N, C-alpha and C. Protein backbone atom coordinates (compact mmCIF):
# COMPACT_ATOMS: atom_id res chain seq x y z
N MET A 1 33.17 -34.22 -41.97
CA MET A 1 32.67 -34.63 -40.70
C MET A 1 32.90 -33.56 -39.59
N ARG A 2 34.16 -33.07 -39.56
CA ARG A 2 34.49 -32.03 -38.47
C ARG A 2 33.71 -30.80 -38.68
N THR A 3 33.49 -30.44 -39.96
CA THR A 3 32.73 -29.22 -40.23
C THR A 3 31.23 -29.42 -39.81
N THR A 4 30.75 -30.52 -39.96
CA THR A 4 29.34 -30.79 -39.53
C THR A 4 29.22 -30.74 -38.05
N ILE A 5 30.17 -31.29 -37.34
CA ILE A 5 30.15 -31.22 -35.84
C ILE A 5 30.26 -29.85 -35.36
N LEU A 6 31.16 -29.02 -35.94
CA LEU A 6 31.36 -27.64 -35.44
C LEU A 6 30.09 -26.78 -35.82
N THR A 7 29.51 -27.04 -36.95
CA THR A 7 28.24 -26.30 -37.30
C THR A 7 27.13 -26.70 -36.34
N SER A 8 26.98 -27.92 -36.02
CA SER A 8 26.01 -28.41 -35.09
C SER A 8 26.22 -27.78 -33.68
N LEU A 9 27.46 -27.79 -33.24
CA LEU A 9 27.79 -27.14 -31.94
C LEU A 9 27.45 -25.67 -31.92
N ARG A 10 27.83 -24.94 -32.99
CA ARG A 10 27.62 -23.53 -33.04
C ARG A 10 26.09 -23.25 -33.05
N THR A 11 25.38 -24.01 -33.90
CA THR A 11 23.87 -23.87 -33.97
C THR A 11 23.23 -24.14 -32.60
N SER A 12 23.69 -25.17 -31.96
CA SER A 12 23.13 -25.52 -30.59
C SER A 12 23.41 -24.42 -29.59
N LEU A 13 24.68 -23.92 -29.65
CA LEU A 13 25.03 -22.81 -28.70
C LEU A 13 24.19 -21.56 -28.94
N VAL A 14 24.01 -21.20 -30.20
CA VAL A 14 23.21 -20.02 -30.60
C VAL A 14 21.76 -20.22 -30.14
N LEU A 15 21.23 -21.41 -30.40
CA LEU A 15 19.80 -21.67 -30.04
C LEU A 15 19.62 -21.64 -28.54
N MET A 16 20.62 -22.23 -27.78
CA MET A 16 20.55 -22.18 -26.33
C MET A 16 20.58 -20.73 -25.81
N LEU A 17 21.42 -19.89 -26.37
CA LEU A 17 21.48 -18.50 -25.91
C LEU A 17 20.25 -17.74 -26.26
N VAL A 18 19.76 -17.98 -27.48
CA VAL A 18 18.57 -17.18 -27.93
C VAL A 18 17.33 -17.74 -27.18
N CYS A 19 17.07 -19.02 -27.17
CA CYS A 19 15.83 -19.65 -26.59
C CYS A 19 15.88 -19.80 -25.11
N GLY A 20 17.12 -20.04 -24.53
CA GLY A 20 17.24 -20.31 -23.16
C GLY A 20 17.53 -19.07 -22.34
N LEU A 21 18.19 -18.05 -22.94
CA LEU A 21 18.51 -16.93 -22.12
C LEU A 21 17.85 -15.61 -22.68
N LEU A 22 18.17 -15.32 -23.91
CA LEU A 22 17.62 -14.06 -24.47
C LEU A 22 16.08 -13.92 -24.40
N TYR A 23 15.41 -15.01 -24.87
CA TYR A 23 13.94 -15.00 -24.85
C TYR A 23 13.43 -14.75 -23.43
N ASN A 24 13.92 -15.46 -22.43
CA ASN A 24 13.47 -15.32 -21.07
C ASN A 24 13.76 -13.90 -20.53
N LEU A 25 14.91 -13.31 -20.86
CA LEU A 25 15.23 -11.96 -20.39
C LEU A 25 14.31 -10.92 -21.02
N VAL A 26 13.98 -11.11 -22.32
CA VAL A 26 13.02 -10.20 -22.95
C VAL A 26 11.68 -10.30 -22.32
N LEU A 27 11.18 -11.53 -22.13
CA LEU A 27 9.87 -11.67 -21.54
C LEU A 27 9.78 -11.18 -20.08
N THR A 28 10.82 -11.49 -19.34
CA THR A 28 10.85 -10.96 -17.94
C THR A 28 10.90 -9.46 -17.93
N GLY A 29 11.70 -8.88 -18.81
CA GLY A 29 11.83 -7.44 -18.81
C GLY A 29 10.54 -6.77 -19.23
N ALA A 30 9.88 -7.35 -20.20
CA ALA A 30 8.53 -6.83 -20.65
C ALA A 30 7.51 -6.95 -19.50
N ALA A 31 7.51 -8.07 -18.84
CA ALA A 31 6.52 -8.21 -17.80
C ALA A 31 6.79 -7.26 -16.67
N GLN A 32 8.10 -7.06 -16.35
CA GLN A 32 8.43 -6.11 -15.24
C GLN A 32 8.06 -4.69 -15.69
N ALA A 33 8.20 -4.32 -16.94
CA ALA A 33 7.89 -3.00 -17.39
C ALA A 33 6.45 -2.72 -17.48
N LEU A 34 5.64 -3.70 -18.01
CA LEU A 34 4.22 -3.51 -18.29
C LEU A 34 3.35 -3.82 -17.07
N MET A 35 3.71 -4.81 -16.24
CA MET A 35 2.88 -5.14 -15.08
C MET A 35 3.75 -5.68 -13.97
N PRO A 36 4.46 -4.81 -13.30
CA PRO A 36 5.46 -5.24 -12.29
C PRO A 36 4.82 -5.99 -11.12
N GLY A 37 3.64 -5.55 -10.69
CA GLY A 37 3.01 -6.26 -9.57
C GLY A 37 2.68 -7.71 -9.91
N ARG A 38 2.08 -7.88 -11.03
CA ARG A 38 1.77 -9.27 -11.43
C ARG A 38 3.00 -10.08 -11.74
N ALA A 39 4.09 -9.47 -12.29
CA ALA A 39 5.28 -10.19 -12.60
C ALA A 39 5.94 -10.62 -11.31
N ASP A 40 5.79 -9.91 -10.24
CA ASP A 40 6.33 -10.31 -8.95
C ASP A 40 5.44 -11.23 -8.06
N GLY A 41 4.35 -11.69 -8.64
CA GLY A 41 3.52 -12.60 -7.96
C GLY A 41 2.20 -12.06 -7.37
N SER A 42 1.79 -10.83 -7.71
CA SER A 42 0.64 -10.16 -7.21
C SER A 42 0.60 -10.28 -5.65
N LEU A 43 1.74 -9.90 -5.07
CA LEU A 43 1.85 -9.99 -3.56
C LEU A 43 1.03 -8.82 -2.94
N ILE A 44 0.47 -9.16 -1.75
CA ILE A 44 -0.20 -8.18 -0.96
C ILE A 44 0.60 -7.96 0.31
N TYR A 45 0.85 -6.71 0.65
CA TYR A 45 1.69 -6.32 1.75
C TYR A 45 0.89 -5.66 2.87
N ASN A 46 1.36 -5.86 4.09
CA ASN A 46 0.73 -5.24 5.20
C ASN A 46 1.31 -3.84 5.36
N GLY A 47 0.89 -3.11 6.39
CA GLY A 47 1.35 -1.73 6.65
C GLY A 47 2.79 -1.58 6.83
N ARG A 48 3.48 -2.61 7.23
CA ARG A 48 4.97 -2.60 7.49
C ARG A 48 5.74 -3.02 6.29
N GLY A 49 5.10 -3.20 5.15
CA GLY A 49 5.81 -3.56 3.94
C GLY A 49 6.22 -5.06 3.84
N GLU A 50 5.64 -5.92 4.70
CA GLU A 50 5.83 -7.38 4.63
C GLU A 50 4.79 -8.02 3.80
N ALA A 51 5.28 -8.91 2.93
CA ALA A 51 4.33 -9.69 2.12
C ALA A 51 3.56 -10.63 2.98
N ILE A 52 2.22 -10.59 2.91
CA ILE A 52 1.38 -11.52 3.71
C ILE A 52 0.60 -12.45 2.91
N GLY A 53 0.78 -12.43 1.63
CA GLY A 53 0.08 -13.40 0.70
C GLY A 53 0.13 -12.89 -0.70
N SER A 54 -0.49 -13.68 -1.54
CA SER A 54 -0.64 -13.31 -2.94
C SER A 54 -2.13 -13.20 -3.27
N GLU A 55 -2.44 -12.30 -4.20
CA GLU A 55 -3.78 -12.13 -4.60
C GLU A 55 -4.31 -13.34 -5.40
N LEU A 56 -3.32 -14.11 -5.86
CA LEU A 56 -3.65 -15.24 -6.79
C LEU A 56 -3.62 -16.60 -6.10
N ILE A 57 -3.23 -16.69 -4.86
CA ILE A 57 -3.18 -18.02 -4.14
C ILE A 57 -3.90 -17.94 -2.88
N GLY A 58 -4.91 -18.80 -2.71
CA GLY A 58 -5.69 -18.76 -1.46
C GLY A 58 -4.87 -19.21 -0.19
N GLN A 59 -5.47 -18.88 0.96
CA GLN A 59 -4.88 -19.21 2.24
C GLN A 59 -5.91 -19.88 3.04
N SER A 60 -5.51 -20.61 4.02
CA SER A 60 -6.38 -21.25 4.98
C SER A 60 -6.67 -20.38 6.12
N PHE A 61 -7.96 -19.93 6.33
CA PHE A 61 -8.36 -19.14 7.41
C PHE A 61 -9.33 -19.97 8.36
N THR A 62 -9.01 -20.07 9.55
CA THR A 62 -9.77 -20.88 10.45
C THR A 62 -10.44 -20.10 11.57
N ASP A 63 -9.98 -18.84 11.76
CA ASP A 63 -10.53 -17.96 12.82
C ASP A 63 -12.01 -17.78 12.50
N PRO A 64 -12.89 -17.99 13.51
CA PRO A 64 -14.34 -17.85 13.30
C PRO A 64 -14.68 -16.41 13.03
N GLY A 65 -13.87 -15.40 13.34
CA GLY A 65 -14.11 -14.03 13.09
C GLY A 65 -13.66 -13.59 11.70
N LEU A 66 -13.24 -14.49 10.85
CA LEU A 66 -12.77 -14.18 9.52
C LEU A 66 -13.52 -14.98 8.50
N PHE A 67 -13.51 -14.47 7.26
CA PHE A 67 -14.09 -15.22 6.14
C PHE A 67 -13.22 -16.39 5.80
N HIS A 68 -13.79 -17.51 5.46
CA HIS A 68 -13.00 -18.68 5.06
C HIS A 68 -13.17 -18.95 3.57
N GLY A 69 -12.12 -19.44 2.94
CA GLY A 69 -12.10 -19.69 1.54
C GLY A 69 -12.62 -21.06 1.26
N ARG A 70 -12.38 -21.42 -0.01
CA ARG A 70 -12.82 -22.80 -0.49
C ARG A 70 -12.03 -23.85 0.21
N VAL A 71 -12.55 -25.06 0.22
CA VAL A 71 -11.86 -26.22 0.64
C VAL A 71 -10.65 -26.48 -0.30
N SER A 72 -9.49 -26.84 0.25
CA SER A 72 -8.32 -27.18 -0.59
C SER A 72 -7.78 -28.54 -0.20
N SER A 73 -7.85 -29.44 -1.17
CA SER A 73 -7.35 -30.80 -0.88
C SER A 73 -5.85 -30.88 -0.83
N ILE A 74 -5.17 -29.77 -1.15
CA ILE A 74 -3.72 -29.72 -1.08
C ILE A 74 -3.20 -28.74 -0.07
N GLY A 75 -4.08 -28.25 0.81
CA GLY A 75 -3.66 -27.32 1.81
C GLY A 75 -3.11 -25.93 1.34
N TYR A 76 -3.56 -25.53 0.13
CA TYR A 76 -3.08 -24.26 -0.45
C TYR A 76 -1.64 -24.29 -0.61
N ASP A 77 -1.04 -25.44 -0.92
CA ASP A 77 0.44 -25.57 -1.20
C ASP A 77 0.63 -25.24 -2.66
N ALA A 78 1.21 -24.01 -2.90
CA ALA A 78 1.37 -23.59 -4.30
C ALA A 78 2.47 -24.53 -5.05
N GLY A 79 3.25 -25.20 -4.34
CA GLY A 79 4.21 -26.11 -4.91
C GLY A 79 3.59 -27.35 -5.45
N GLY A 80 2.36 -27.67 -5.01
CA GLY A 80 1.78 -28.88 -5.50
C GLY A 80 0.41 -28.57 -6.05
N SER A 81 0.26 -27.57 -6.92
CA SER A 81 -0.97 -27.19 -7.53
C SER A 81 -1.61 -28.35 -8.28
N GLY A 82 -2.89 -28.43 -8.08
CA GLY A 82 -3.68 -29.49 -8.71
C GLY A 82 -4.41 -30.26 -7.66
N THR A 83 -5.44 -30.91 -8.06
CA THR A 83 -6.26 -31.65 -7.07
C THR A 83 -6.89 -32.80 -7.88
N PRO A 84 -7.19 -33.84 -7.15
CA PRO A 84 -7.80 -34.93 -7.84
C PRO A 84 -9.10 -34.60 -8.54
N ASN A 85 -9.27 -34.94 -9.79
CA ASN A 85 -10.42 -34.60 -10.52
C ASN A 85 -11.40 -35.74 -10.55
N TYR A 86 -12.04 -35.85 -9.41
CA TYR A 86 -13.00 -37.03 -9.20
C TYR A 86 -14.28 -36.79 -9.91
N ALA A 87 -14.88 -37.88 -10.32
CA ALA A 87 -16.21 -37.85 -10.91
C ALA A 87 -17.24 -37.65 -9.75
N PRO A 88 -18.41 -37.11 -9.96
CA PRO A 88 -19.30 -36.92 -8.94
C PRO A 88 -19.71 -38.18 -8.14
N SER A 89 -19.53 -39.35 -8.72
CA SER A 89 -19.86 -40.59 -8.06
C SER A 89 -18.66 -41.18 -7.32
N ASN A 90 -17.53 -40.58 -7.38
CA ASN A 90 -16.31 -41.12 -6.67
C ASN A 90 -16.48 -41.08 -5.15
N PRO A 91 -16.25 -42.16 -4.49
CA PRO A 91 -16.44 -42.24 -3.03
C PRO A 91 -15.48 -41.29 -2.27
N ASP A 92 -14.34 -40.96 -2.79
CA ASP A 92 -13.41 -40.08 -2.12
C ASP A 92 -13.98 -38.63 -2.19
N LEU A 93 -14.52 -38.25 -3.35
CA LEU A 93 -15.09 -36.96 -3.46
C LEU A 93 -16.34 -36.84 -2.51
N ILE A 94 -17.14 -37.84 -2.52
CA ILE A 94 -18.35 -37.88 -1.66
C ILE A 94 -17.92 -37.69 -0.17
N ALA A 95 -16.92 -38.43 0.25
CA ALA A 95 -16.39 -38.38 1.62
C ALA A 95 -15.91 -37.01 1.90
N ARG A 96 -15.11 -36.36 0.99
CA ARG A 96 -14.54 -35.06 1.16
C ARG A 96 -15.66 -34.01 1.33
N VAL A 97 -16.66 -34.06 0.44
CA VAL A 97 -17.77 -33.14 0.50
C VAL A 97 -18.61 -33.33 1.83
N ARG A 98 -18.79 -34.49 2.17
CA ARG A 98 -19.56 -34.82 3.47
C ARG A 98 -18.72 -34.24 4.69
N GLN A 99 -17.42 -34.38 4.63
CA GLN A 99 -16.61 -33.78 5.70
C GLN A 99 -16.73 -32.29 5.69
N ALA A 100 -16.70 -31.68 4.55
CA ALA A 100 -16.81 -30.20 4.44
C ALA A 100 -18.20 -29.77 4.97
N ALA A 101 -19.25 -30.54 4.68
CA ALA A 101 -20.59 -30.25 5.20
C ALA A 101 -20.60 -30.40 6.71
N ARG A 102 -19.99 -31.45 7.28
CA ARG A 102 -19.92 -31.57 8.74
C ARG A 102 -19.19 -30.40 9.35
N ASP A 103 -18.08 -29.97 8.76
CA ASP A 103 -17.36 -28.86 9.24
C ASP A 103 -18.16 -27.55 9.22
N TRP A 104 -18.92 -27.40 8.12
CA TRP A 104 -19.72 -26.24 8.02
C TRP A 104 -20.82 -26.20 9.09
N ARG A 105 -21.50 -27.31 9.34
CA ARG A 105 -22.49 -27.39 10.41
C ARG A 105 -21.91 -27.01 11.75
N THR A 106 -20.75 -27.56 12.01
CA THR A 106 -20.06 -27.26 13.33
C THR A 106 -19.70 -25.79 13.46
N ASN A 107 -19.19 -25.18 12.47
CA ASN A 107 -18.64 -23.84 12.53
C ASN A 107 -19.72 -22.78 12.19
N ASN A 108 -20.80 -23.13 11.53
CA ASN A 108 -21.84 -22.16 11.16
C ASN A 108 -23.25 -22.76 11.46
N PRO A 109 -23.62 -22.94 12.69
CA PRO A 109 -24.87 -23.54 13.04
C PRO A 109 -26.05 -22.69 12.68
N ASP A 110 -25.88 -21.42 12.43
CA ASP A 110 -27.00 -20.48 12.10
C ASP A 110 -27.42 -20.57 10.65
N VAL A 111 -26.64 -21.22 9.78
CA VAL A 111 -26.97 -21.25 8.41
C VAL A 111 -27.23 -22.68 7.96
N PRO A 112 -28.37 -23.04 7.60
CA PRO A 112 -28.69 -24.41 7.17
C PRO A 112 -27.88 -24.87 6.00
N LEU A 113 -27.53 -26.18 6.02
CA LEU A 113 -26.65 -26.73 4.98
C LEU A 113 -27.26 -26.55 3.56
N GLY A 114 -28.58 -26.56 3.44
CA GLY A 114 -29.25 -26.31 2.17
C GLY A 114 -28.96 -24.97 1.55
N GLU A 115 -28.52 -23.97 2.41
CA GLU A 115 -28.35 -22.57 1.93
C GLU A 115 -26.85 -22.30 1.69
N VAL A 116 -26.04 -23.29 1.80
CA VAL A 116 -24.54 -23.16 1.62
C VAL A 116 -24.18 -23.22 0.19
N PRO A 117 -23.50 -22.21 -0.39
CA PRO A 117 -23.11 -22.32 -1.77
C PRO A 117 -22.14 -23.41 -2.00
N LEU A 118 -22.16 -24.04 -3.14
CA LEU A 118 -21.36 -25.22 -3.41
C LEU A 118 -19.84 -24.89 -3.34
N ASP A 119 -19.45 -23.70 -3.64
CA ASP A 119 -17.97 -23.36 -3.61
C ASP A 119 -17.41 -23.49 -2.15
N LEU A 120 -18.23 -23.50 -1.16
CA LEU A 120 -17.72 -23.63 0.20
C LEU A 120 -17.53 -25.11 0.56
N LEU A 121 -18.11 -26.02 -0.24
CA LEU A 121 -18.06 -27.45 0.05
C LEU A 121 -17.10 -28.22 -0.89
N THR A 122 -16.74 -27.60 -1.96
CA THR A 122 -15.89 -28.26 -2.96
C THR A 122 -14.64 -27.41 -3.18
N ASN A 123 -13.59 -28.05 -3.76
CA ASN A 123 -12.37 -27.25 -4.06
C ASN A 123 -12.36 -26.95 -5.48
N SER A 124 -11.49 -26.02 -5.87
CA SER A 124 -11.24 -25.64 -7.25
C SER A 124 -10.35 -26.66 -7.91
N GLY A 125 -10.24 -26.51 -9.22
CA GLY A 125 -9.35 -27.45 -9.99
C GLY A 125 -7.89 -27.35 -9.61
N SER A 126 -7.41 -26.21 -9.17
CA SER A 126 -6.04 -26.11 -8.70
C SER A 126 -5.84 -26.30 -7.26
N GLY A 127 -6.87 -26.20 -6.51
CA GLY A 127 -6.79 -26.31 -5.04
C GLY A 127 -6.21 -25.02 -4.42
N LEU A 128 -6.03 -24.00 -5.29
CA LEU A 128 -5.39 -22.74 -4.77
C LEU A 128 -6.27 -21.52 -4.93
N ASP A 129 -7.49 -21.70 -5.32
CA ASP A 129 -8.36 -20.54 -5.67
C ASP A 129 -8.51 -19.57 -4.46
N PRO A 130 -8.16 -18.31 -4.68
CA PRO A 130 -8.23 -17.33 -3.58
C PRO A 130 -9.66 -16.69 -3.48
N HIS A 131 -10.50 -17.02 -4.36
CA HIS A 131 -11.87 -16.38 -4.49
C HIS A 131 -13.00 -17.33 -4.06
N ILE A 132 -14.06 -16.67 -3.58
CA ILE A 132 -15.30 -17.35 -3.31
C ILE A 132 -16.35 -16.47 -4.00
N SER A 133 -17.54 -17.02 -4.07
CA SER A 133 -18.67 -16.23 -4.60
C SER A 133 -19.17 -15.29 -3.61
N PRO A 134 -19.81 -14.16 -3.99
CA PRO A 134 -20.43 -13.29 -3.04
C PRO A 134 -21.41 -13.98 -2.12
N GLU A 135 -22.12 -14.99 -2.69
CA GLU A 135 -23.09 -15.69 -1.90
C GLU A 135 -22.39 -16.57 -0.78
N ALA A 136 -21.16 -17.09 -1.10
CA ALA A 136 -20.43 -17.83 -0.12
C ALA A 136 -19.90 -16.91 0.99
N ALA A 137 -19.56 -15.72 0.65
CA ALA A 137 -19.09 -14.80 1.65
C ALA A 137 -20.35 -14.37 2.53
N ALA A 138 -21.48 -14.13 1.85
CA ALA A 138 -22.67 -13.73 2.63
C ALA A 138 -23.18 -14.86 3.58
N ALA A 139 -23.00 -16.14 3.20
CA ALA A 139 -23.39 -17.20 4.05
C ALA A 139 -22.57 -17.27 5.35
N GLN A 140 -21.45 -16.67 5.32
CA GLN A 140 -20.58 -16.70 6.55
C GLN A 140 -20.79 -15.53 7.46
N ILE A 141 -21.62 -14.54 7.06
CA ILE A 141 -21.84 -13.37 7.82
C ILE A 141 -22.43 -13.61 9.25
N PRO A 142 -23.35 -14.54 9.38
CA PRO A 142 -23.87 -14.75 10.78
C PRO A 142 -22.73 -15.27 11.75
N ARG A 143 -21.87 -16.14 11.30
CA ARG A 143 -20.80 -16.64 12.16
C ARG A 143 -19.81 -15.46 12.51
N ILE A 144 -19.49 -14.70 11.50
CA ILE A 144 -18.50 -13.59 11.67
C ILE A 144 -19.11 -12.48 12.61
N ALA A 145 -20.35 -12.17 12.33
CA ALA A 145 -21.11 -11.14 13.18
C ALA A 145 -21.05 -11.58 14.61
N GLY A 146 -21.35 -12.82 14.91
CA GLY A 146 -21.28 -13.24 16.33
C GLY A 146 -19.91 -13.30 16.88
N ALA A 147 -18.95 -13.82 16.14
CA ALA A 147 -17.57 -13.93 16.67
C ALA A 147 -16.88 -12.56 16.79
N ALA A 148 -17.12 -11.70 15.92
CA ALA A 148 -16.44 -10.41 15.95
C ALA A 148 -17.27 -9.25 16.49
N GLY A 149 -18.50 -9.56 16.83
CA GLY A 149 -19.41 -8.56 17.39
C GLY A 149 -19.67 -7.41 16.42
N LEU A 150 -19.88 -7.69 15.16
CA LEU A 150 -20.13 -6.66 14.16
C LEU A 150 -21.54 -6.81 13.61
N ASP A 151 -22.05 -5.72 13.08
CA ASP A 151 -23.39 -5.63 12.57
C ASP A 151 -23.41 -6.38 11.20
N PRO A 152 -24.36 -7.35 11.09
CA PRO A 152 -24.45 -8.12 9.77
C PRO A 152 -24.62 -7.25 8.56
N GLU A 153 -25.35 -6.14 8.69
CA GLU A 153 -25.47 -5.24 7.55
C GLU A 153 -24.17 -4.60 7.11
N ARG A 154 -23.33 -4.25 8.09
CA ARG A 154 -22.05 -3.66 7.79
C ARG A 154 -21.16 -4.71 7.13
N LEU A 155 -21.26 -5.93 7.56
CA LEU A 155 -20.45 -7.05 6.97
C LEU A 155 -20.92 -7.28 5.47
N GLN A 156 -22.24 -7.18 5.29
CA GLN A 156 -22.70 -7.39 3.91
C GLN A 156 -22.23 -6.22 3.00
N ALA A 157 -22.19 -5.02 3.56
CA ALA A 157 -21.68 -3.90 2.78
C ALA A 157 -20.18 -4.07 2.50
N LEU A 158 -19.42 -4.68 3.38
CA LEU A 158 -18.02 -5.01 3.19
C LEU A 158 -17.89 -6.01 2.03
N VAL A 159 -18.69 -7.04 2.09
CA VAL A 159 -18.67 -8.03 1.01
C VAL A 159 -19.00 -7.36 -0.31
N ASP A 160 -20.02 -6.55 -0.34
CA ASP A 160 -20.38 -5.87 -1.57
C ASP A 160 -19.28 -5.04 -2.13
N GLU A 161 -18.54 -4.28 -1.24
CA GLU A 161 -17.42 -3.44 -1.59
C GLU A 161 -16.31 -4.21 -2.23
N HIS A 162 -16.17 -5.50 -1.77
CA HIS A 162 -15.04 -6.34 -2.26
C HIS A 162 -15.45 -7.36 -3.32
N THR A 163 -16.61 -7.19 -3.92
CA THR A 163 -17.07 -8.17 -4.95
C THR A 163 -16.60 -7.61 -6.30
N SER A 164 -15.86 -8.44 -6.96
CA SER A 164 -15.40 -8.06 -8.35
C SER A 164 -16.41 -8.48 -9.37
N PRO A 165 -16.68 -7.64 -10.34
CA PRO A 165 -17.68 -8.07 -11.40
C PRO A 165 -17.14 -9.05 -12.37
N ARG A 166 -17.94 -9.55 -13.25
CA ARG A 166 -17.59 -10.48 -14.33
C ARG A 166 -16.60 -9.67 -15.23
N ALA A 167 -15.66 -10.39 -15.78
CA ALA A 167 -14.68 -9.76 -16.74
C ALA A 167 -15.43 -9.22 -17.93
N LEU A 168 -15.28 -8.02 -18.26
CA LEU A 168 -15.95 -7.36 -19.41
C LEU A 168 -17.49 -7.40 -19.30
N GLY A 169 -17.99 -7.69 -18.10
CA GLY A 169 -19.37 -7.75 -17.82
C GLY A 169 -20.06 -9.02 -18.27
N ILE A 170 -19.38 -9.93 -18.87
CA ILE A 170 -19.98 -11.19 -19.48
C ILE A 170 -19.23 -12.46 -19.08
N PHE A 171 -17.88 -12.35 -18.88
CA PHE A 171 -17.11 -13.61 -18.70
C PHE A 171 -16.90 -13.93 -17.28
N GLY A 172 -17.04 -15.22 -16.94
CA GLY A 172 -16.82 -15.65 -15.57
C GLY A 172 -17.88 -15.33 -14.61
N GLU A 173 -17.62 -15.37 -13.35
CA GLU A 173 -18.58 -15.10 -12.30
C GLU A 173 -18.10 -13.96 -11.43
N ARG A 174 -19.00 -13.35 -10.72
CA ARG A 174 -18.60 -12.34 -9.72
C ARG A 174 -17.81 -13.13 -8.58
N THR A 175 -16.77 -12.50 -8.09
CA THR A 175 -15.95 -13.14 -7.07
C THR A 175 -15.56 -12.16 -5.97
N VAL A 176 -15.18 -12.75 -4.85
CA VAL A 176 -14.63 -12.06 -3.68
C VAL A 176 -13.25 -12.62 -3.31
N ASN A 177 -12.23 -11.83 -3.30
CA ASN A 177 -10.93 -12.30 -2.91
C ASN A 177 -10.91 -12.37 -1.37
N VAL A 178 -10.75 -13.50 -0.84
CA VAL A 178 -10.88 -13.78 0.60
C VAL A 178 -9.79 -13.05 1.44
N LEU A 179 -8.55 -13.06 0.95
CA LEU A 179 -7.43 -12.35 1.65
C LEU A 179 -7.75 -10.88 1.76
N ARG A 180 -8.17 -10.27 0.62
CA ARG A 180 -8.43 -8.83 0.60
C ARG A 180 -9.66 -8.51 1.51
N LEU A 181 -10.68 -9.37 1.48
CA LEU A 181 -11.85 -9.16 2.31
C LEU A 181 -11.48 -9.26 3.76
N ASN A 182 -10.68 -10.21 4.12
CA ASN A 182 -10.22 -10.37 5.60
C ASN A 182 -9.40 -9.21 6.06
N LEU A 183 -8.54 -8.66 5.16
CA LEU A 183 -7.70 -7.50 5.53
C LEU A 183 -8.61 -6.31 5.78
N ALA A 184 -9.68 -6.11 4.92
CA ALA A 184 -10.61 -5.02 5.18
C ALA A 184 -11.43 -5.34 6.43
N LEU A 185 -11.78 -6.55 6.76
CA LEU A 185 -12.51 -6.89 7.96
C LEU A 185 -11.60 -6.61 9.24
N ARG A 186 -10.29 -6.95 9.14
CA ARG A 186 -9.43 -6.53 10.21
C ARG A 186 -9.32 -5.09 10.49
N GLN A 187 -9.30 -4.33 9.39
CA GLN A 187 -9.26 -2.89 9.52
C GLN A 187 -10.54 -2.36 10.16
N LEU A 188 -11.65 -2.97 9.80
CA LEU A 188 -13.02 -2.62 10.37
C LEU A 188 -13.03 -2.88 11.86
N THR A 189 -12.57 -4.07 12.26
CA THR A 189 -12.64 -4.44 13.71
C THR A 189 -11.64 -3.61 14.48
N ALA A 190 -10.52 -3.27 13.87
CA ALA A 190 -9.50 -2.46 14.56
C ALA A 190 -9.99 -1.02 14.82
N SER A 191 -10.84 -0.51 13.95
CA SER A 191 -11.37 0.83 14.08
C SER A 191 -12.50 0.94 15.03
N GLN A 192 -13.04 -0.20 15.53
CA GLN A 192 -14.20 -0.15 16.43
C GLN A 192 -13.85 -0.22 17.80
């Protein structure tokens, strides 16, 4: 009996060390060696070396002179990732989309609601998506041009410069990272 208990304890200790410590150290070390930026959270820094956000987590932008991201039912709180997965007929989803449409009309009176890409009225599955479609970015150009006093063609060129292609040319959709786009927009307005 005593031998069985000691064997069980030794086995448990070895497994805890291997699975709980060694495995994690090896994976963390490999991630730091192979892709240190991603291992550290894909942080984006300003000119002073201060982290201002992550390339992988959206932020709420409300300034009319900046591009806005997708609606987030969790307020872009990375600690609470996930969003209600409502059916299209769910009254809560319908109310949320109607509110997003009202907000759009208020903030973007120059663009008819029928021309608004769906990703500006709905949220992603995680509620943290930092990307919008190039069409969603383009739909915001009239508002930004008026608020920032910039040429719409220059803003469209900025969107085009920050549009990422499909993965391997076939997977997913073309996207625009809103934080990176807004950083470039701030640089553009500062230089004028």
